[in-house]
N, C-alpha and C. Protein backbone atom coordinates (compact mmCIF):
# COMPACT_ATOMS: atom_id res chain seq x y z
N MET A 1 -15.11 -7.56 -10.20
CA MET A 1 -14.13 -8.33 -9.43
C MET A 1 -14.39 -8.05 -7.94
N ASN A 2 -14.22 -9.06 -7.16
CA ASN A 2 -14.35 -8.94 -5.71
C ASN A 2 -13.35 -7.91 -5.20
N PRO A 3 -13.75 -6.95 -4.33
CA PRO A 3 -12.81 -5.91 -3.86
C PRO A 3 -11.60 -6.51 -3.13
N VAL A 4 -11.76 -7.62 -2.42
CA VAL A 4 -10.63 -8.23 -1.71
C VAL A 4 -9.62 -8.72 -2.74
N THR A 5 -10.09 -9.38 -3.78
CA THR A 5 -9.20 -9.87 -4.84
C THR A 5 -8.50 -8.72 -5.53
N GLY A 6 -9.25 -7.71 -5.96
CA GLY A 6 -8.66 -6.58 -6.68
C GLY A 6 -7.62 -5.84 -5.86
N LEU A 7 -7.98 -5.54 -4.63
CA LEU A 7 -7.06 -4.78 -3.75
C LEU A 7 -5.78 -5.58 -3.51
N ASN A 8 -5.91 -6.87 -3.29
CA ASN A 8 -4.73 -7.66 -2.97
C ASN A 8 -3.91 -8.02 -4.18
N LEU A 9 -4.52 -8.14 -5.34
CA LEU A 9 -3.73 -8.29 -6.55
C LEU A 9 -2.93 -7.02 -6.82
N ALA A 10 -3.54 -5.87 -6.60
CA ALA A 10 -2.80 -4.60 -6.76
C ALA A 10 -1.67 -4.53 -5.75
N ARG A 11 -1.88 -4.98 -4.51
CA ARG A 11 -0.80 -5.00 -3.51
C ARG A 11 0.38 -5.83 -4.01
N ILE A 12 0.05 -7.02 -4.53
CA ILE A 12 1.12 -7.94 -4.97
C ILE A 12 1.88 -7.33 -6.15
N VAL A 13 1.18 -6.74 -7.11
CA VAL A 13 1.86 -6.15 -8.28
C VAL A 13 2.73 -4.97 -7.85
N LEU A 14 2.18 -4.07 -7.02
CA LEU A 14 2.96 -2.92 -6.58
C LEU A 14 4.16 -3.39 -5.75
N GLY A 15 3.93 -4.37 -4.88
CA GLY A 15 5.02 -4.92 -4.08
C GLY A 15 6.10 -5.53 -4.90
N ALA A 16 5.70 -6.28 -5.92
CA ALA A 16 6.69 -6.93 -6.80
C ALA A 16 7.51 -5.89 -7.54
N VAL A 17 6.86 -4.83 -8.00
CA VAL A 17 7.62 -3.73 -8.65
C VAL A 17 8.65 -3.14 -7.70
N ALA A 18 8.23 -2.88 -6.45
CA ALA A 18 9.14 -2.30 -5.46
C ALA A 18 10.29 -3.23 -5.16
N LEU A 19 10.05 -4.54 -5.14
CA LEU A 19 11.10 -5.51 -4.89
C LEU A 19 12.07 -5.61 -6.06
N VAL A 20 11.55 -5.72 -7.28
CA VAL A 20 12.36 -5.94 -8.45
C VAL A 20 13.03 -4.68 -8.95
N SER A 21 12.34 -3.56 -8.89
CA SER A 21 12.87 -2.31 -9.41
C SER A 21 12.55 -1.14 -8.48
N PRO A 22 13.34 -0.99 -7.42
CA PRO A 22 13.08 0.12 -6.51
C PRO A 22 13.10 1.47 -7.19
N ALA A 23 13.92 1.62 -8.26
CA ALA A 23 13.96 2.88 -8.97
C ALA A 23 12.64 3.19 -9.64
N LEU A 24 12.00 2.17 -10.24
CA LEU A 24 10.70 2.36 -10.85
C LEU A 24 9.65 2.66 -9.77
N ALA A 25 9.72 1.97 -8.66
CA ALA A 25 8.79 2.27 -7.57
C ALA A 25 8.95 3.71 -7.10
N ALA A 26 10.18 4.18 -6.98
CA ALA A 26 10.42 5.58 -6.58
C ALA A 26 9.77 6.52 -7.59
N LYS A 27 9.93 6.20 -8.87
CA LYS A 27 9.34 7.05 -9.90
C LYS A 27 7.81 7.05 -9.80
N ILE A 28 7.22 5.88 -9.60
CA ILE A 28 5.76 5.76 -9.44
C ILE A 28 5.30 6.61 -8.27
N PHE A 29 6.03 6.58 -7.16
CA PHE A 29 5.66 7.33 -5.96
C PHE A 29 6.15 8.76 -5.94
N ARG A 30 6.82 9.17 -7.04
CA ARG A 30 7.34 10.53 -7.18
C ARG A 30 8.39 10.85 -6.10
N LEU A 31 9.22 9.87 -5.80
CA LEU A 31 10.28 10.06 -4.80
C LEU A 31 11.62 10.17 -5.52
N ASP A 32 12.63 10.71 -4.88
CA ASP A 32 13.92 10.99 -5.47
C ASP A 32 14.98 10.09 -4.88
N PRO A 33 15.30 8.98 -5.55
CA PRO A 33 16.32 8.06 -5.01
C PRO A 33 17.72 8.70 -4.97
N GLY A 34 17.95 9.69 -5.83
CA GLY A 34 19.25 10.36 -5.81
C GLY A 34 19.46 11.14 -4.51
N ALA A 35 18.38 11.70 -3.99
CA ALA A 35 18.47 12.45 -2.73
C ALA A 35 18.51 11.55 -1.53
N ASN A 36 18.13 10.30 -1.70
CA ASN A 36 18.12 9.35 -0.58
C ASN A 36 18.54 7.96 -1.10
N PRO A 37 19.84 7.66 -1.07
CA PRO A 37 20.29 6.37 -1.60
C PRO A 37 19.74 5.16 -0.84
N GLN A 38 19.23 5.34 0.34
CA GLN A 38 18.66 4.23 1.09
C GLN A 38 17.26 3.89 0.64
N LEU A 39 16.69 4.67 -0.28
CA LEU A 39 15.32 4.47 -0.73
C LEU A 39 15.13 3.10 -1.35
N GLY A 40 16.12 2.58 -2.01
CA GLY A 40 16.02 1.21 -2.59
C GLY A 40 15.76 0.18 -1.53
N TYR A 41 16.48 0.27 -0.42
CA TYR A 41 16.31 -0.65 0.68
C TYR A 41 14.90 -0.53 1.26
N MET A 42 14.46 0.70 1.47
CA MET A 42 13.11 0.92 2.02
C MET A 42 12.03 0.43 1.07
N SER A 43 12.26 0.64 -0.24
CA SER A 43 11.28 0.19 -1.23
C SER A 43 11.14 -1.32 -1.23
N ARG A 44 12.27 -2.02 -1.09
CA ARG A 44 12.21 -3.48 -1.04
C ARG A 44 11.49 -3.96 0.23
N MET A 45 11.73 -3.29 1.33
CA MET A 45 11.00 -3.65 2.56
C MET A 45 9.50 -3.46 2.36
N PHE A 46 9.13 -2.34 1.79
CA PHE A 46 7.72 -2.06 1.49
C PHE A 46 7.18 -3.14 0.57
N GLY A 47 7.95 -3.46 -0.49
CA GLY A 47 7.52 -4.46 -1.48
C GLY A 47 7.27 -5.80 -0.83
N ALA A 48 8.17 -6.23 0.02
CA ALA A 48 8.02 -7.53 0.69
C ALA A 48 6.77 -7.55 1.52
N ARG A 49 6.50 -6.46 2.21
CA ARG A 49 5.28 -6.34 3.06
C ARG A 49 4.02 -6.48 2.20
N GLU A 50 4.03 -5.75 1.08
CA GLU A 50 2.86 -5.73 0.23
C GLU A 50 2.58 -7.12 -0.41
N VAL A 51 3.64 -7.74 -0.90
CA VAL A 51 3.50 -9.05 -1.52
C VAL A 51 3.00 -10.06 -0.48
N ALA A 52 3.61 -10.09 0.69
CA ALA A 52 3.21 -11.02 1.75
C ALA A 52 1.76 -10.77 2.18
N LEU A 53 1.42 -9.54 2.45
CA LEU A 53 0.05 -9.24 2.90
C LEU A 53 -0.99 -9.58 1.83
N GLY A 54 -0.67 -9.24 0.60
CA GLY A 54 -1.61 -9.54 -0.52
C GLY A 54 -1.78 -11.04 -0.71
N ALA A 55 -0.66 -11.79 -0.70
CA ALA A 55 -0.73 -13.24 -0.94
C ALA A 55 -1.45 -13.94 0.18
N VAL A 56 -1.12 -13.61 1.42
CA VAL A 56 -1.76 -14.33 2.53
C VAL A 56 -3.24 -13.99 2.59
N THR A 57 -3.63 -12.77 2.26
CA THR A 57 -5.04 -12.41 2.29
C THR A 57 -5.81 -13.17 1.18
N LEU A 58 -5.21 -13.30 0.01
CA LEU A 58 -5.87 -14.04 -1.06
C LEU A 58 -5.98 -15.52 -0.73
N ALA A 59 -5.00 -16.06 -0.04
CA ALA A 59 -4.99 -17.48 0.29
C ALA A 59 -5.96 -17.82 1.43
N ALA A 60 -6.32 -16.82 2.22
CA ALA A 60 -7.17 -17.07 3.39
C ALA A 60 -8.65 -17.05 2.99
N SER A 61 -9.48 -17.48 3.92
CA SER A 61 -10.92 -17.42 3.69
C SER A 61 -11.62 -17.17 5.05
N GLY A 62 -12.89 -16.87 4.95
CA GLY A 62 -13.70 -16.71 6.17
C GLY A 62 -13.20 -15.63 7.09
N THR A 63 -13.23 -15.95 8.40
CA THR A 63 -12.85 -15.01 9.42
C THR A 63 -11.37 -14.59 9.31
N THR A 64 -10.55 -15.55 8.93
CA THR A 64 -9.11 -15.22 8.76
C THR A 64 -8.92 -14.16 7.69
N GLN A 65 -9.60 -14.33 6.57
CA GLN A 65 -9.48 -13.33 5.50
C GLN A 65 -10.04 -11.97 5.98
N ARG A 66 -11.16 -11.99 6.68
CA ARG A 66 -11.70 -10.77 7.20
C ARG A 66 -10.70 -10.03 8.09
N ASN A 67 -10.05 -10.79 8.98
CA ASN A 67 -9.05 -10.23 9.88
C ASN A 67 -7.86 -9.67 9.11
N LEU A 68 -7.47 -10.36 8.04
CA LEU A 68 -6.35 -9.87 7.22
C LEU A 68 -6.74 -8.60 6.47
N VAL A 69 -7.97 -8.52 6.04
CA VAL A 69 -8.43 -7.27 5.40
C VAL A 69 -8.35 -6.13 6.42
N LEU A 70 -8.72 -6.38 7.67
CA LEU A 70 -8.58 -5.36 8.70
C LEU A 70 -7.14 -4.95 8.94
N VAL A 71 -6.23 -5.94 8.92
CA VAL A 71 -4.80 -5.65 9.03
C VAL A 71 -4.37 -4.77 7.85
N GLY A 72 -4.80 -5.13 6.67
CA GLY A 72 -4.46 -4.34 5.47
C GLY A 72 -4.97 -2.91 5.60
N MET A 73 -6.16 -2.77 6.13
CA MET A 73 -6.72 -1.43 6.31
C MET A 73 -5.85 -0.63 7.30
N ALA A 74 -5.40 -1.28 8.35
CA ALA A 74 -4.54 -0.58 9.32
C ALA A 74 -3.23 -0.19 8.67
N VAL A 75 -2.66 -1.06 7.86
CA VAL A 75 -1.41 -0.75 7.16
C VAL A 75 -1.64 0.43 6.21
N ASP A 76 -2.75 0.39 5.46
CA ASP A 76 -3.04 1.44 4.51
C ASP A 76 -3.30 2.77 5.21
N ALA A 77 -3.98 2.74 6.36
CA ALA A 77 -4.21 3.96 7.16
C ALA A 77 -2.89 4.54 7.61
N THR A 78 -1.98 3.66 8.00
CA THR A 78 -0.65 4.13 8.43
C THR A 78 0.11 4.73 7.25
N ASP A 79 -0.02 4.11 6.07
CA ASP A 79 0.59 4.67 4.89
C ASP A 79 -0.02 6.07 4.56
N ALA A 80 -1.30 6.23 4.74
CA ALA A 80 -1.94 7.55 4.52
C ALA A 80 -1.40 8.58 5.50
N PHE A 81 -1.29 8.17 6.76
CA PHE A 81 -0.72 9.07 7.76
C PHE A 81 0.71 9.44 7.38
N SER A 82 1.49 8.46 6.95
CA SER A 82 2.89 8.73 6.59
C SER A 82 2.99 9.69 5.41
N GLY A 83 2.13 9.50 4.42
CA GLY A 83 2.14 10.41 3.28
C GLY A 83 1.77 11.84 3.67
N THR A 84 0.80 11.95 4.55
CA THR A 84 0.39 13.28 5.03
C THR A 84 1.53 13.91 5.87
N ALA A 85 2.11 13.11 6.77
CA ALA A 85 3.18 13.61 7.61
C ALA A 85 4.39 14.07 6.79
N ALA A 86 4.69 13.33 5.71
CA ALA A 86 5.80 13.71 4.84
C ALA A 86 5.58 15.06 4.19
N GLY A 87 4.31 15.33 3.85
CA GLY A 87 4.00 16.62 3.26
C GLY A 87 4.09 17.74 4.28
N ILE A 88 3.66 17.45 5.51
CA ILE A 88 3.70 18.45 6.56
C ILE A 88 5.13 18.80 6.97
N ASP A 89 5.97 17.78 7.10
CA ASP A 89 7.35 18.06 7.54
C ASP A 89 8.27 18.45 6.40
N GLY A 90 7.76 18.49 5.17
CA GLY A 90 8.58 18.94 4.05
C GLY A 90 9.45 17.88 3.42
N SER A 91 9.27 16.64 3.83
CA SER A 91 10.07 15.54 3.24
C SER A 91 9.74 15.39 1.74
N VAL A 92 8.47 15.66 1.40
CA VAL A 92 8.04 15.62 0.01
C VAL A 92 7.18 16.88 -0.22
N THR A 93 6.96 17.19 -1.49
CA THR A 93 6.11 18.34 -1.82
C THR A 93 4.66 18.02 -1.42
N LYS A 94 3.89 19.07 -1.32
CA LYS A 94 2.44 18.88 -1.02
C LYS A 94 1.77 18.03 -2.09
N ALA A 95 2.15 18.24 -3.36
CA ALA A 95 1.53 17.44 -4.43
C ALA A 95 1.89 15.96 -4.27
N THR A 96 3.16 15.68 -3.97
CA THR A 96 3.56 14.31 -3.78
C THR A 96 2.90 13.72 -2.53
N SER A 97 2.76 14.52 -1.49
CA SER A 97 2.08 14.07 -0.30
C SER A 97 0.65 13.61 -0.65
N GLY A 98 -0.06 14.39 -1.42
CA GLY A 98 -1.39 14.02 -1.86
C GLY A 98 -1.38 12.77 -2.70
N PHE A 99 -0.39 12.68 -3.56
CA PHE A 99 -0.27 11.50 -4.44
C PHE A 99 -0.01 10.23 -3.64
N LEU A 100 0.72 10.36 -2.54
CA LEU A 100 1.02 9.21 -1.67
C LEU A 100 -0.18 8.90 -0.74
N THR A 101 -0.86 9.91 -0.33
CA THR A 101 -1.96 9.75 0.67
C THR A 101 -3.27 9.25 0.04
N LEU A 102 -3.66 9.81 -1.05
CA LEU A 102 -4.96 9.46 -1.64
C LEU A 102 -5.12 7.99 -1.98
N PRO A 103 -4.17 7.34 -2.62
CA PRO A 103 -4.34 5.93 -2.90
C PRO A 103 -4.43 5.07 -1.62
N ALA A 104 -3.68 5.47 -0.62
CA ALA A 104 -3.74 4.73 0.65
C ALA A 104 -5.14 4.86 1.29
N VAL A 105 -5.70 6.08 1.25
CA VAL A 105 -7.04 6.28 1.74
C VAL A 105 -8.02 5.46 0.89
N GLY A 106 -7.81 5.47 -0.42
CA GLY A 106 -8.64 4.64 -1.30
C GLY A 106 -8.60 3.17 -0.96
N ALA A 107 -7.43 2.66 -0.57
CA ALA A 107 -7.27 1.27 -0.17
C ALA A 107 -8.04 1.00 1.11
N VAL A 108 -8.04 1.94 2.04
CA VAL A 108 -8.81 1.78 3.28
C VAL A 108 -10.29 1.68 2.91
N VAL A 109 -10.75 2.56 2.03
CA VAL A 109 -12.18 2.56 1.63
C VAL A 109 -12.50 1.23 0.92
N ALA A 110 -11.60 0.75 0.05
CA ALA A 110 -11.82 -0.49 -0.65
C ALA A 110 -11.91 -1.66 0.33
N GLY A 111 -11.05 -1.63 1.35
CA GLY A 111 -11.11 -2.69 2.37
C GLY A 111 -12.43 -2.64 3.11
N ALA A 112 -12.89 -1.44 3.46
CA ALA A 112 -14.16 -1.31 4.15
C ALA A 112 -15.31 -1.79 3.25
N ALA A 113 -15.26 -1.47 2.00
CA ALA A 113 -16.29 -1.93 1.04
C ALA A 113 -16.28 -3.46 0.95
N ALA A 114 -15.11 -4.03 0.95
CA ALA A 114 -15.01 -5.50 0.90
C ALA A 114 -15.66 -6.14 2.12
N LEU A 115 -15.42 -5.53 3.28
CA LEU A 115 -16.01 -6.08 4.51
C LEU A 115 -17.52 -5.95 4.49
N VAL A 116 -18.04 -4.83 3.98
CA VAL A 116 -19.47 -4.64 3.91
C VAL A 116 -20.08 -5.65 2.92
N MET A 117 -19.47 -5.82 1.78
CA MET A 117 -19.94 -6.77 0.79
C MET A 117 -19.94 -8.19 1.30
N ALA A 118 -18.95 -8.53 2.07
CA ALA A 118 -18.84 -9.89 2.65
C ALA A 118 -19.97 -10.21 3.62
N ARG A 119 -20.54 -9.21 4.22
CA ARG A 119 -21.65 -9.43 5.17
C ARG A 119 -22.94 -9.80 4.49
N ARG A 120 -23.05 -9.46 3.21
CA ARG A 120 -24.30 -9.68 2.44
C ARG A 120 -24.45 -11.12 2.02
């Protein structure tokens, strides 16, 4: 499967889960909605972003799609930073920090791979 397609389908699925079931999204991300009742709101905001970014990237082509992949990489890099920062400041455990950070780094790498493959 094309890395752009795979990455953005995953974005859409994860985003849809966060929109429809913030509690399930919290469980997937190893977060505690009981300790933070606003987590549902934040999950839905995250979900909307992921669905929109995934859908518009899949709908685009050429230079526009390339630029949207770059935007996605920037978003994923920010997510990786946020996961790391949460572990450093104690908002989440170190294990959860790694669990949040590694997939985001993987998404950045997948985006970069997609850009390299598109040049061929």
